[in-house]
Protein backbone atom coordinates (compact mmCIF):
# COMPACT_ATOMS: atom_id res chain seq x y z
CA LYS A 1 43.13 -22.42 4.72
CA ASP A 2 41.93 -18.92 5.48
CA LYS A 3 40.99 -17.61 1.43
CA GLU A 4 38.64 -18.78 -0.81
CA PRO A 5 39.72 -20.48 -3.83
CA THR A 6 39.45 -18.86 -7.29
CA VAL A 7 38.95 -22.14 -9.63
CA LEU A 8 38.28 -25.58 -8.12
CA PRO A 9 40.33 -28.59 -9.84
CA ALA A 10 38.74 -30.53 -12.54
CA ARG A 11 40.56 -33.70 -14.28
CA TYR A 12 38.05 -33.39 -17.22
CA PRO A 13 36.86 -29.80 -19.20
CA ASN A 14 33.41 -30.24 -16.94
CA MET A 15 32.31 -26.50 -18.12
CA LEU A 16 31.92 -28.60 -21.65
CA VAL A 17 30.61 -31.47 -20.58
CA ASN A 18 27.86 -30.13 -18.10
CA GLY A 19 26.91 -27.30 -20.33
CA ALA A 20 26.67 -23.80 -18.53
CA GLY A 21 24.08 -20.98 -18.41
CA GLY A 22 23.91 -17.26 -16.66
CA ILE A 23 23.28 -13.42 -17.19
CA ALA A 24 25.84 -11.08 -16.17
CA VAL A 25 25.70 -7.34 -16.20
CA GLY A 26 26.06 -6.56 -20.02
CA MET A 27 26.90 -9.76 -20.93
CA ALA A 28 25.30 -13.96 -21.04
CA THR A 29 26.48 -16.98 -21.31
CA ASN A 30 24.63 -20.49 -22.81
CA ILE A 31 27.18 -23.09 -23.54
CA PRO A 32 25.83 -26.55 -24.11
CA PRO A 33 26.43 -29.54 -22.48
CA HIS A 34 28.56 -32.39 -24.41
CA ASN A 35 29.63 -35.90 -24.50
CA LEU A 36 32.08 -36.52 -21.98
CA GLY A 37 33.70 -39.31 -23.66
CA GLU A 38 34.24 -37.20 -26.89
CA VAL A 39 35.24 -34.06 -25.08
CA VAL A 40 38.09 -36.41 -23.14
CA ASP A 41 38.85 -37.85 -26.51
CA ALA A 42 39.56 -34.42 -28.04
CA THR A 43 41.32 -33.28 -25.11
CA LEU A 44 44.25 -36.12 -25.33
CA ALA A 45 44.55 -35.76 -29.09
CA LEU A 46 45.03 -31.77 -28.40
CA ILE A 47 48.06 -32.82 -25.50
CA GLU A 48 49.06 -35.40 -28.04
CA THR A 49 48.86 -33.34 -31.15
CA PRO A 50 49.02 -29.12 -29.79
CA ASP A 51 48.91 -27.81 -33.21
CA MET A 52 45.40 -29.76 -34.05
CA SER A 53 43.12 -27.61 -36.00
CA SER A 54 39.82 -26.88 -34.98
CA GLU A 55 38.86 -28.73 -37.84
CA ALA A 56 40.16 -31.40 -36.42
CA LEU A 57 38.81 -31.55 -33.67
CA MET A 58 35.19 -31.14 -34.77
CA GLU A 59 35.72 -34.60 -35.97
CA ILE A 60 36.04 -35.89 -32.79
CA VAL A 61 33.32 -33.16 -31.10
CA PRO A 62 30.74 -33.12 -33.84
CA GLY A 63 28.54 -31.09 -31.79
CA PRO A 64 26.74 -30.81 -28.38
CA ASP A 65 25.31 -34.00 -26.83
CA PHE A 66 22.11 -33.30 -24.78
CA PRO A 67 20.64 -35.34 -21.85
CA THR A 68 17.12 -35.11 -22.99
CA GLY A 69 17.70 -36.64 -26.72
CA GLY A 70 16.23 -35.60 -29.27
CA GLN A 71 18.28 -34.48 -32.70
CA ILE A 72 20.27 -31.79 -34.32
CA MET A 73 19.18 -30.86 -37.49
CA GLY A 74 22.62 -30.09 -39.78
CA ARG A 75 25.78 -28.94 -38.46
CA GLY A 76 26.00 -24.92 -39.90
CA GLY A 77 25.08 -24.17 -36.35
CA ALA A 78 27.33 -26.18 -34.14
CA ARG A 79 30.35 -25.64 -36.52
CA LYS A 80 29.69 -21.53 -36.39
CA ALA A 81 30.07 -21.98 -32.04
CA TYR A 82 32.77 -24.00 -32.35
CA LEU A 83 34.74 -22.03 -34.76
CA GLU A 84 33.57 -18.70 -33.40
CA GLY A 85 32.33 -18.85 -30.36
CA ARG A 86 28.61 -17.79 -31.09
CA GLY A 87 25.89 -20.03 -33.02
CA SER A 88 22.39 -21.55 -32.89
CA VAL A 89 21.47 -25.13 -33.00
CA ILE A 90 18.12 -26.25 -34.29
CA LEU A 91 16.74 -28.94 -32.16
CA ARG A 92 14.03 -31.72 -32.94
CA ALA A 93 12.43 -33.96 -31.13
CA LYS A 94 12.13 -37.90 -31.94
CA THR A 95 9.82 -39.18 -34.01
CA ARG A 96 8.25 -42.11 -35.52
CA ILE A 97 5.25 -42.92 -37.40
CA GLU A 98 3.34 -46.12 -35.93
CA GLU A 99 0.23 -47.65 -37.58
CA ILE A 100 -1.69 -47.95 -34.00
CA ARG A 101 -5.07 -49.52 -35.92
CA LYS A 102 -6.01 -50.46 -39.47
CA ASP A 103 -5.56 -47.49 -41.43
CA ARG A 104 -5.17 -45.45 -38.15
CA PHE A 105 -1.73 -43.76 -37.28
CA ALA A 106 -0.15 -42.29 -34.53
CA ILE A 107 3.26 -39.86 -34.17
CA ILE A 108 5.22 -41.70 -31.23
CA VAL A 109 7.44 -38.84 -29.66
CA ASP A 110 10.30 -40.92 -28.00
CA GLU A 111 12.84 -38.01 -27.33
CA ILE A 112 11.94 -34.57 -26.95
CA PRO A 113 14.51 -31.57 -27.61
CA TYR A 114 16.52 -30.00 -24.57
CA GLN A 115 15.21 -27.73 -21.87
CA VAL A 116 11.59 -28.58 -23.27
CA ASN A 117 9.01 -29.33 -20.27
CA LYS A 118 6.89 -32.38 -21.94
CA ALA A 119 3.74 -30.97 -20.30
CA THR A 120 4.05 -27.84 -21.48
CA MET A 121 4.43 -29.14 -24.93
CA ILE A 122 1.53 -31.46 -24.40
CA GLU A 123 -0.62 -28.28 -23.28
CA LYS A 124 0.68 -26.42 -26.09
CA ILE A 125 -0.62 -28.88 -28.86
CA ALA A 126 -3.72 -29.30 -27.22
CA ASP A 127 -4.56 -25.35 -27.44
CA LEU A 128 -3.39 -25.80 -31.37
CA VAL A 129 -5.39 -28.15 -32.04
CA ARG A 130 -8.72 -26.68 -30.04
CA GLU A 131 -8.13 -23.27 -32.04
CA LYS A 132 -8.03 -25.45 -35.12
CA ARG A 133 -4.48 -24.00 -36.27
CA LEU A 134 -3.28 -27.85 -35.89
CA GLU A 135 -5.44 -30.09 -38.60
CA GLY A 136 -5.88 -33.67 -38.24
CA ILE A 137 -5.02 -34.81 -34.58
CA ALA A 138 -7.54 -36.77 -32.92
CA HIS A 139 -5.98 -36.96 -29.37
CA VAL A 140 -2.86 -36.89 -27.63
CA GLN A 141 -1.51 -39.45 -24.63
CA ASP A 142 1.05 -39.03 -22.92
CA GLU A 143 2.43 -42.57 -21.87
CA SER A 144 5.77 -41.95 -20.33
CA ASP A 145 7.08 -43.78 -17.62
CA ARG A 146 10.26 -43.91 -15.66
CA VAL A 147 12.04 -46.12 -18.84
CA GLY A 148 11.76 -42.79 -21.00
CA VAL A 149 9.41 -40.94 -22.96
CA ARG A 150 6.36 -41.93 -24.73
CA VAL A 151 3.95 -39.21 -26.10
CA VAL A 152 1.23 -40.48 -28.68
CA ILE A 153 -0.14 -38.21 -30.81
CA GLU A 154 -3.08 -39.87 -32.49
CA LEU A 155 -4.00 -38.63 -36.09
CA LYS A 156 -7.69 -38.32 -37.76
CA ARG A 157 -8.60 -41.14 -40.54
CA ASP A 158 -8.19 -38.72 -43.08
CA ALA A 159 -4.80 -37.36 -41.82
CA THR A 160 -1.17 -37.49 -43.80
CA PRO A 161 1.44 -38.07 -40.96
CA ASP A 162 4.13 -36.30 -42.58
CA VAL A 163 1.83 -33.05 -43.03
CA VAL A 164 0.86 -33.10 -39.70
CA LEU A 165 4.55 -33.57 -38.30
CA ASN A 166 6.03 -31.05 -40.08
CA GLN A 167 3.08 -28.77 -38.64
CA LEU A 168 3.79 -29.74 -35.54
CA TYR A 169 8.08 -29.16 -35.82
CA ARG A 170 6.96 -25.49 -36.97
CA PHE A 171 4.00 -24.81 -34.53
CA THR A 172 5.16 -26.61 -31.49
CA PRO A 173 8.01 -26.91 -29.10
CA LEU A 174 8.98 -30.28 -31.30
CA GLN A 175 11.16 -28.29 -32.92
CA THR A 176 13.21 -25.55 -31.13
CA SER A 177 16.57 -24.02 -31.25
CA PHE A 178 19.45 -23.48 -28.91
CA GLY A 179 21.57 -20.57 -29.04
CA CYS A 180 25.07 -21.24 -28.16
CA ASN A 181 27.41 -18.52 -26.79
CA MET A 182 30.67 -19.75 -25.46
CA LEU A 183 31.19 -16.96 -23.18
CA ALA A 184 33.50 -17.61 -20.29
CA LEU A 185 35.69 -16.21 -17.98
CA ASN A 186 39.41 -16.73 -18.66
CA GLY A 187 42.39 -15.10 -16.34
CA GLY A 188 39.41 -13.27 -14.37
CA ARG A 189 38.38 -11.64 -17.55
CA PRO A 190 35.28 -12.56 -20.21
CA GLU A 191 36.29 -14.06 -23.07
CA GLN A 192 34.42 -15.63 -26.60
CA LEU A 193 36.02 -19.10 -26.98
CA THR A 194 35.89 -21.53 -29.90
CA LEU A 195 36.58 -25.44 -29.20
CA ARG A 196 39.94 -25.18 -29.54
CA ASP A 197 40.27 -22.25 -27.01
CA PHE A 198 38.23 -24.38 -24.27
CA LEU A 199 40.29 -27.29 -24.48
CA HIS A 200 43.68 -25.63 -25.38
CA TYR A 201 42.95 -23.66 -21.75
CA PHE A 202 41.68 -26.53 -20.10
CA ILE A 203 45.04 -28.29 -21.23
CA THR A 204 46.82 -24.99 -19.62
CA PHE A 205 45.26 -24.84 -16.32
CA ARG A 206 45.34 -28.23 -15.50
CA GLU A 207 49.63 -28.39 -16.03
CA GLU A 208 49.63 -25.58 -13.80
CA VAL A 209 47.72 -27.63 -11.16
CA VAL A 210 49.50 -30.39 -11.42
CA ALA A 211 53.11 -28.47 -11.01
CA ARG A 212 51.86 -26.53 -8.05
CA ARG A 213 50.57 -29.85 -6.60
CA THR A 214 53.71 -31.55 -7.19
CA ALA A 215 55.73 -28.42 -5.87
CA PHE A 216 53.12 -28.55 -2.91
CA GLU A 217 54.06 -32.15 -2.08
CA LEU A 218 57.83 -31.72 -2.96
CA ARG A 219 57.76 -28.99 -0.20
CA LYS A 220 56.17 -31.01 2.29
CA ALA A 221 58.69 -34.20 1.77
CA ARG A 222 61.61 -32.13 2.05
CA GLU A 223 59.92 -30.27 5.03
CA ARG A 224 59.56 -33.71 7.08
CA SER A 225 63.23 -35.03 5.40
CA HIS A 226 64.63 -32.26 6.90
CA ILE A 227 63.32 -33.07 10.84
CA LEU A 228 64.03 -36.72 9.99
CA CYS A 229 67.47 -35.93 9.04
CA GLY A 230 67.78 -34.65 12.29
CA LEU A 231 66.94 -37.88 13.98
CA ALA A 232 68.94 -39.66 12.06
CA VAL A 233 72.37 -38.00 13.65
CA ALA A 234 70.61 -37.81 17.15
CA VAL A 235 70.26 -41.78 16.62
CA SER A 236 73.70 -42.01 15.18
CA ASN A 237 75.62 -39.83 18.00
CA VAL A 238 72.83 -41.01 20.61
CA ASP A 239 75.61 -40.95 23.54
CA GLU A 240 76.77 -37.58 22.75
CA VAL A 241 73.34 -35.80 22.09
CA VAL A 242 72.23 -37.29 25.69
CA ALA A 243 75.28 -36.18 27.15
CA THR A 244 74.49 -32.34 25.92
CA ILE A 245 70.95 -32.74 27.00
CA ARG A 246 71.99 -33.45 30.50
CA ALA A 247 74.67 -30.83 30.59
CA SER A 248 72.18 -27.97 29.71
CA ARG A 249 70.00 -26.09 32.65
CA ASP A 250 67.07 -26.14 30.38
CA PRO A 251 65.41 -26.75 27.26
CA ALA A 252 66.34 -23.50 25.45
CA GLU A 253 70.03 -23.96 26.26
CA ALA A 254 69.87 -27.61 25.08
CA ARG A 255 68.39 -26.41 21.97
CA ASP A 256 71.21 -23.96 21.60
CA ARG A 257 73.87 -26.03 22.54
CA LEU A 258 72.62 -28.68 19.52
CA MET A 259 72.59 -26.65 17.16
CA GLU A 260 76.03 -24.70 17.76
CA ARG A 261 77.69 -28.56 17.86
CA ARG A 262 79.07 -29.66 14.53
CA TRP A 263 77.48 -33.31 14.05
CA PRO A 264 79.17 -35.97 12.12
CA ALA A 265 76.93 -36.06 8.61
CA HIS A 266 78.61 -38.98 6.58
CA ASP A 267 75.50 -41.42 6.71
CA ILE A 268 72.88 -38.41 5.85
CA VAL A 269 74.78 -36.29 3.40
CA GLU A 270 72.59 -37.89 0.19
CA TYR A 271 69.65 -36.71 1.93
CA LEU A 272 70.59 -33.39 2.84
CA ARG A 273 71.60 -32.90 -1.08
CA LEU A 274 67.88 -33.66 -2.21
CA ILE A 275 66.91 -31.72 0.01
CA ASP A 276 68.56 -28.59 -1.14
CA ASP A 277 68.33 -26.21 2.00
CA PRO A 278 70.65 -23.67 1.20
CA LEU A 279 70.27 -22.27 5.17
CA HIS A 280 71.20 -25.49 6.31
CA PRO A 281 74.47 -27.24 4.11
CA VAL A 282 76.67 -30.05 4.61
CA ASN A 283 79.73 -27.93 6.08
CA ASP A 284 83.31 -28.63 3.93
CA ASP A 285 84.49 -30.74 6.85
CA GLY A 286 81.91 -33.08 6.29
CA THR A 287 79.44 -32.04 9.54
CA TYR A 288 76.39 -30.84 10.20
CA ASN A 289 74.67 -28.06 11.74
CA LEU A 290 71.20 -28.76 13.27
CA SER A 291 68.21 -25.93 12.74
CA GLU A 292 66.32 -25.43 15.28
CA THR A 293 63.30 -27.15 13.60
CA GLN A 294 65.52 -30.13 13.81
CA ALA A 295 66.92 -29.37 17.96
CA ARG A 296 62.95 -29.05 18.99
CA ALA A 297 62.66 -32.76 16.90
CA ILE A 298 65.01 -34.25 18.95
CA LEU A 299 64.25 -32.60 22.46
CA GLU A 300 60.88 -33.77 21.98
CA LEU A 301 62.31 -37.56 20.61
CA ARG A 302 60.55 -40.26 23.10
CA LEU A 303 62.62 -42.90 23.85
CA GLN A 304 61.17 -45.93 22.42
CA ARG A 305 62.63 -44.20 19.19
CA LEU A 306 66.36 -45.05 20.15
CA THR A 307 65.57 -49.17 19.87
CA ALA A 308 66.69 -50.68 16.84
CA MET A 309 63.57 -50.68 15.35
CA GLY A 310 63.20 -46.72 16.23
CA VAL A 311 66.29 -46.40 14.30
CA GLN A 312 65.31 -48.30 11.28
CA GLU A 313 61.99 -46.82 11.08
CA VAL A 314 64.12 -43.26 10.82
CA THR A 315 66.22 -44.94 8.29
CA ASP A 316 63.22 -46.46 6.11
CA GLU A 317 60.98 -43.44 6.01
CA LEU A 318 63.89 -40.92 5.02
CA ALA A 319 64.65 -43.80 2.52
CA GLU A 320 60.86 -43.94 1.03
CA LEU A 321 60.81 -39.66 1.13
CA ALA A 322 64.20 -39.61 -0.97
CA GLY A 323 62.28 -41.70 -3.44
CA LYS A 324 59.46 -39.67 -3.36
CA ILE A 325 61.30 -36.30 -3.96
CA ARG A 326 63.64 -37.47 -6.49
CA GLU A 327 60.17 -38.38 -8.36
CA TYR A 328 58.79 -34.82 -7.82
CA LEU A 329 61.82 -33.40 -8.89
CA ALA A 330 62.20 -35.23 -11.97
CA ILE A 331 58.28 -34.66 -13.02
CA LEU A 332 58.58 -30.83 -12.67
CA ALA A 333 61.79 -30.93 -14.64
CA SER A 334 59.75 -32.59 -16.98
CA ARG A 335 56.34 -31.45 -19.37
CA GLU A 336 56.35 -34.54 -20.84
CA ARG A 337 55.91 -36.41 -17.27
CA ILE A 338 52.86 -33.52 -16.22
CA MET A 339 51.34 -34.07 -19.58
CA ALA A 340 51.53 -37.50 -18.85
CA ILE A 341 49.92 -37.15 -15.60
CA ILE A 342 46.94 -34.86 -17.23
CA SER A 343 45.90 -37.60 -19.80
CA ASP A 344 46.32 -40.56 -17.10
């Protein structure tokens, strides 16, 4: 609780889904965002088939998925990035040509490339028209609303829409490129990663997280069961426990006497084996010595726990924890179980 975590847990490869970008000393990273469903499907496929090739993974994740829409021109750039860790993806706005009046056409922009500022893009088009570097454009109007983007580029009567559109792609941010640099820290070291590397390292990371979490829960369940076994001994031998406590001068002596005595353990042998504490095993004669933790818990025991209902509560909780301990042990003993948890 006093240490800052090295990494934060994640149930899906959020670095691929959200993308990442940044600059450090002598290096930079620029990871594009991806479709959540495609990335999850690829991760599950790699869990199911660990030797799956990069080519097969690229059938599931064909390319980045940019939130502002637009079109990716060709698969060569994404393919290079996924196979080598570095590549350039060409992005183009999604447009259509619409007849707005008789013999008058307009180019409608419905989606713009990723990281392109719409206002800057419109200003750039207007500047090029004023400088006469773009011919055939009569007016540019932004009709976007909260539903979506809609930029109307009205053409002159004698303009050819396809020619103007190609000029817009060439001279304006309606067409841009996204340089993919799939650089990330792996084990604290910067590494150029392929698509398969990203998914493989994520699965390895999740496997470690699930195993460590299960081991933590197992340890906590065993610690609680250890205390409950001591309480079970106390409620099963309540008269002897009370007599031992009353014969002691102070709590410290009572604790020592409880720990020195050998108590019958036939009712809790199964639970003690599950706890598997090498420091407090069952004796050869079937008796059990209480630990200091158990003795303290007995001394702090409220009298109401000695009622029939209180005894049943201890027994029920011990049985419930025994089931959890068995489950945790089964998970830690089986990589298939861990992978099933990751997949869920």
